[in-house]
């Protein structure tokens, strides 16, 4: 059977080689870098069939897998570790430099695109943060102004669909700003002050530019995966062989 073919081999030299590989691995059990199942096939198939676009989280996990491939290559190729019987696997886990460069450092710890790697992303995020701070400062200023004190129904402000709104008594809605809703009783209106409308519009426009830039980067990542998908599969197969040797050594 197929399982028996995997378990037994009549060539004594092949058997000796397998035992020798296990022996080489035996002293390096704790430093073996693999930390996940390396299950990249669903993503590769998804991109091949164009079934649905991968999410940012999918691509962040794929990036972690590529990092493990690089770590495994460094582990096997290191002179310090002294592997002499894994040349085929060392070659197999060597991914194209263009693919590695595309994904290296691409995501931060929160699985967001890294501002360090992508300057435009950093610039747009900084602009949004600055605009939001300006709007918040203006809202605080309005809340503390003498002319607003009699109009306010509740302290503070709320954000409705990215619009910063004061909570005003329904008798004071005119001349203050744009009404974006009301409380269940209708006694409180949620009003976006005229003073922040332009800044909020700029925030929404900048957020649109940010989403477009993020989508462009993610699309280019998918293109790279599509171009090098067979190399990725070969690397995962090579790592699987090493992982089996590692499991034997642990046993």
Protein backbone atom coordinates (compact mmCIF):
# COMPACT_ATOMS: atom_id res chain seq x y z
CA UNK A 1 0.00 0.00 0.00
CA UNK A 2 0.98 3.66 -0.25
CA UNK A 3 1.42 3.94 3.51
CA UNK A 4 3.66 0.87 3.56
CA UNK A 5 5.77 2.36 0.77
CA UNK A 6 6.35 5.40 2.95
CA UNK A 7 7.33 3.30 5.96
CA UNK A 8 9.67 0.73 4.41
CA UNK A 9 12.59 0.88 1.99
CA UNK A 10 14.60 -2.05 0.69
CA UNK A 11 17.64 0.08 -0.24
CA UNK A 12 19.94 -0.05 2.78
CA UNK A 13 21.83 3.04 1.65
CA UNK A 14 18.66 5.09 1.57
CA UNK A 15 17.76 3.84 5.04
CA UNK A 16 21.22 4.70 6.37
CA UNK A 17 20.93 8.17 4.87
CA UNK A 18 17.60 8.73 6.59
CA UNK A 19 19.06 7.65 9.92
CA UNK A 20 22.04 9.95 9.33
CA UNK A 21 19.71 12.89 8.72
CA UNK A 22 17.93 12.15 11.97
CA UNK A 23 21.28 12.01 13.76
CA UNK A 24 22.28 15.40 12.33
CA UNK A 25 19.01 16.89 13.51
CA UNK A 26 19.23 15.30 16.94
CA UNK A 27 21.35 17.96 18.59
CA UNK A 28 19.32 20.86 17.18
CA UNK A 29 15.78 20.00 18.25
CA UNK A 30 15.20 23.13 20.30
CA UNK A 31 16.35 25.57 17.60
CA UNK A 32 14.20 24.24 14.75
CA UNK A 33 12.29 27.41 13.67
CA UNK A 34 9.00 25.96 12.37
CA UNK A 35 6.09 27.24 14.49
CA UNK A 36 2.94 26.67 12.40
CA UNK A 37 1.38 24.19 10.00
CA UNK A 38 2.45 26.24 6.94
CA UNK A 39 -0.97 25.66 5.39
CA UNK A 40 -0.62 27.97 2.38
CA UNK A 41 -2.54 25.83 -0.12
CA UNK A 42 -6.01 27.37 0.49
CA UNK A 43 -4.60 30.83 -0.24
CA UNK A 44 -2.76 29.63 -3.35
CA UNK A 45 -5.88 27.92 -4.68
CA UNK A 46 -7.96 30.98 -3.90
CA UNK A 47 -5.62 33.16 -5.96
CA UNK A 48 -5.40 30.60 -8.80
CA UNK A 49 -9.17 30.24 -9.11
CA UNK A 50 -9.87 33.91 -8.39
CA UNK A 51 -12.68 32.67 -6.17
CA UNK A 52 -12.54 35.60 -3.77
CA UNK A 53 -9.90 38.20 -2.98
CA UNK A 54 -7.68 37.26 -0.01
CA UNK A 55 -8.15 39.41 3.05
CA UNK A 56 -5.42 41.47 4.65
CA UNK A 57 -5.35 38.93 7.47
CA UNK A 58 -4.82 36.10 4.95
CA UNK A 59 -1.85 37.91 3.46
CA UNK A 60 -0.42 38.74 6.89
CA UNK A 61 -0.50 35.04 7.81
CA UNK A 62 1.11 34.19 4.47
CA UNK A 63 3.86 36.69 5.28
CA UNK A 64 4.47 34.88 8.56
CA UNK A 65 4.76 31.62 6.61
CA UNK A 66 7.32 33.17 4.26
CA UNK A 67 9.30 34.34 7.28
CA UNK A 68 9.32 30.77 8.55
CA UNK A 69 10.61 29.59 5.17
CA UNK A 70 13.44 32.12 5.40
CA UNK A 71 14.18 31.11 8.99
CA UNK A 72 14.23 27.42 8.02
CA UNK A 73 16.63 28.15 5.16
CA UNK A 74 18.92 30.07 7.52
CA UNK A 75 18.68 27.22 10.05
CA UNK A 76 19.69 24.58 7.51
CA UNK A 77 22.33 26.68 5.73
CA UNK A 78 24.08 27.96 8.86
CA UNK A 79 27.66 26.71 9.14
CA UNK A 80 27.21 26.71 12.91
CA UNK A 81 24.54 24.02 12.65
CA UNK A 82 26.72 21.95 10.33
CA UNK A 83 24.04 20.23 8.25
CA UNK A 84 25.66 18.20 5.46
CA UNK A 85 22.80 15.96 4.32
CA UNK A 86 20.06 18.50 3.54
CA UNK A 87 21.36 20.13 0.35
CA UNK A 88 18.17 19.30 -1.55
CA UNK A 89 15.99 20.86 1.14
CA UNK A 90 18.27 23.90 1.45
CA UNK A 91 17.83 24.53 -2.26
CA UNK A 92 14.10 23.86 -2.03
CA UNK A 93 13.41 26.46 0.63
CA UNK A 94 15.33 29.21 -1.20
CA UNK A 95 12.52 31.50 -2.35
CA UNK A 96 12.87 34.10 -5.16
CA UNK A 97 14.29 37.36 -3.85
CA UNK A 98 11.53 39.41 -5.49
CA UNK A 99 8.88 37.50 -3.52
CA UNK A 100 10.78 37.81 -0.25
CA UNK A 101 11.33 41.55 -0.75
CA UNK A 102 7.65 42.09 -1.47
CA UNK A 103 6.52 40.59 1.83
CA UNK A 104 9.44 41.15 4.20
CA UNK A 105 8.35 43.49 7.00
CA UNK A 106 5.07 44.22 5.20
CA UNK A 107 2.83 43.86 8.26
CA UNK A 108 3.05 45.05 11.85
CA UNK A 109 2.09 43.15 15.01
CA UNK A 110 -1.59 44.05 14.50
CA UNK A 111 -1.52 42.59 10.95
CA UNK A 112 -1.83 46.07 9.46
CA UNK A 113 0.35 47.18 6.57
CA UNK A 114 3.60 48.48 8.01
CA UNK A 115 4.12 52.23 7.99
CA UNK A 116 7.86 51.57 8.16
CA UNK A 117 7.86 49.68 4.85
CA UNK A 118 5.32 51.82 3.01
CA UNK A 119 6.00 55.59 3.27
CA UNK A 120 2.74 56.59 1.56
CA UNK A 121 0.76 54.57 4.08
CA UNK A 122 2.63 56.33 6.89
CA UNK A 123 2.02 59.77 5.35
CA UNK A 124 -1.74 59.18 4.95
CA UNK A 125 -2.16 57.69 8.42
CA UNK A 126 -0.29 60.64 9.94
CA UNK A 127 -2.49 63.08 8.03
CA UNK A 128 -5.67 61.35 9.24
CA UNK A 129 -4.45 61.30 12.82
CA UNK A 130 -3.57 64.99 12.67
CA UNK A 131 -6.94 65.91 11.19
CA UNK A 132 -8.80 63.89 13.82
CA UNK A 133 -6.83 65.64 16.56
CA UNK A 134 -7.76 69.01 15.07
CA UNK A 135 -11.44 68.07 14.92
CA UNK A 136 -11.39 66.76 18.49
CA UNK A 137 -9.72 69.97 19.66
CA UNK A 138 -12.34 72.09 17.91
CA UNK A 139 -15.17 69.99 19.39
CA UNK A 140 -13.75 70.45 22.88
CA UNK A 141 -13.43 74.16 22.27
CA UNK A 142 -17.06 74.39 21.15
CA UNK A 143 -18.27 72.41 24.15
CA UNK A 144 -16.56 74.81 26.51
CA UNK A 145 -17.74 77.96 24.73
CA UNK A 146 -20.25 80.20 26.46
CA UNK A 147 -22.58 80.29 23.45
CA UNK A 148 -23.00 76.50 23.48
CA UNK A 149 -23.64 75.95 27.16
CA UNK A 150 -27.40 76.50 26.98
CA UNK A 151 -27.72 74.46 23.79
CA UNK A 152 -25.94 71.29 24.94
CA UNK A 153 -28.12 68.38 26.07
CA UNK A 154 -25.22 66.19 27.20
CA UNK A 155 -21.53 66.71 27.80
CA UNK A 156 -19.05 65.37 25.28
CA UNK A 157 -19.63 64.48 21.66
CA UNK A 158 -20.28 61.35 19.61
CA UNK A 159 -19.08 60.14 16.22
CA UNK A 160 -21.77 59.02 13.77
CA UNK A 161 -20.50 57.50 10.52
CA UNK A 162 -17.20 59.34 10.98
CA UNK A 163 -19.04 62.60 11.63
CA UNK A 164 -18.29 64.40 14.90
CA UNK A 165 -21.53 65.52 16.49
CA UNK A 166 -22.57 67.59 19.49
CA UNK A 167 -25.58 66.43 21.49
CA UNK A 168 -27.89 69.41 21.49
CA UNK A 169 -31.35 70.22 22.75
CA UNK A 170 -33.81 70.01 19.88
CA UNK A 171 -34.72 73.67 20.30
CA UNK A 172 -31.25 74.79 19.20
CA UNK A 173 -30.70 72.88 15.96
CA UNK A 174 -30.76 75.84 13.57
CA UNK A 175 -27.60 77.73 12.81
CA UNK A 176 -25.29 75.27 14.58
CA UNK A 177 -24.55 72.61 12.01
CA UNK A 178 -25.75 69.55 10.11
CA UNK A 179 -28.20 67.23 11.89
CA UNK A 180 -27.22 63.55 11.61
CA UNK A 181 -29.82 61.98 13.88
CA UNK A 182 -31.64 62.19 17.17
CA UNK A 183 -32.21 60.28 20.39
CA UNK A 184 -35.12 57.87 20.78
CA UNK A 185 -37.14 60.54 22.54
CA UNK A 186 -36.30 63.17 19.95
CA UNK A 187 -35.24 65.60 22.67
CA UNK A 188 -31.56 65.36 21.75
CA UNK A 189 -30.21 66.06 18.28
CA UNK A 190 -26.84 64.92 16.99
CA UNK A 191 -25.43 67.92 15.18
CA UNK A 192 -22.17 68.22 13.29
CA UNK A 193 -20.95 71.80 13.82
CA UNK A 194 -20.27 73.83 10.69
CA UNK A 195 -16.78 74.52 12.07
CA UNK A 196 -15.67 70.90 11.58
CA UNK A 197 -17.50 69.91 8.38
CA UNK A 198 -14.62 70.77 6.04
CA UNK A 199 -12.06 69.02 8.25
CA UNK A 200 -14.27 65.93 8.49
CA UNK A 201 -14.69 65.89 4.71
CA UNK A 202 -10.90 66.02 4.40
CA UNK A 203 -10.60 63.10 6.84
CA UNK A 204 -13.00 61.01 4.77
CA UNK A 205 -11.20 61.92 1.55
CA UNK A 206 -7.82 61.00 3.04
CA UNK A 207 -9.26 57.75 4.37
CA UNK A 208 -10.37 56.96 0.82
CA UNK A 209 -6.85 57.58 -0.46
CA UNK A 210 -5.50 55.33 2.29
CA UNK A 211 -7.86 52.49 1.38
CA UNK A 212 -6.92 52.83 -2.28
CA UNK A 213 -3.21 52.66 -1.45
CA UNK A 214 -3.71 49.67 0.83
CA UNK A 215 -5.72 47.86 -1.85
CA UNK A 216 -3.01 48.58 -4.43
CA UNK A 217 -0.32 47.07 -2.19
CA UNK A 218 -2.45 44.02 -1.34
CA UNK A 219 -3.22 43.47 -5.04
CA UNK A 220 0.50 43.55 -5.88
CA UNK A 221 1.08 41.00 -3.13
CA UNK A 222 -1.51 38.71 -4.71
CA UNK A 223 0.18 39.14 -8.09
CA UNK A 224 3.51 38.10 -6.56
CA UNK A 225 1.97 35.02 -4.99
CA UNK A 226 0.38 34.07 -8.31
CA UNK A 227 3.73 34.49 -10.10
CA UNK A 228 5.73 32.42 -7.61
CA UNK A 229 3.10 30.01 -6.32
CA UNK A 230 4.95 26.89 -7.52
CA UNK A 231 8.15 28.03 -5.81
CA UNK A 232 6.13 28.52 -2.61
CA UNK A 233 4.66 25.02 -2.92
CA UNK A 234 8.13 23.56 -3.47
CA UNK A 235 9.44 25.36 -0.39
CA UNK A 236 6.60 24.06 1.78
CA UNK A 237 7.20 20.52 0.51
CA UNK A 238 10.90 20.82 1.35
CA UNK A 239 10.07 22.09 4.82
CA UNK A 240 7.66 19.17 5.30
CA UNK A 241 10.52 16.75 4.62
CA UNK A 242 12.69 18.52 7.20
CA UNK A 243 9.79 18.59 9.66
CA UNK A 244 9.43 14.79 9.38
CA UNK A 245 13.13 14.37 10.11
CA UNK A 246 12.74 16.72 13.08
CA UNK A 247 9.78 14.67 14.34
CA UNK A 248 11.79 11.46 14.03
CA UNK A 249 14.65 13.02 15.96
CA UNK A 250 12.31 14.15 18.73
CA UNK A 251 10.79 10.65 18.91
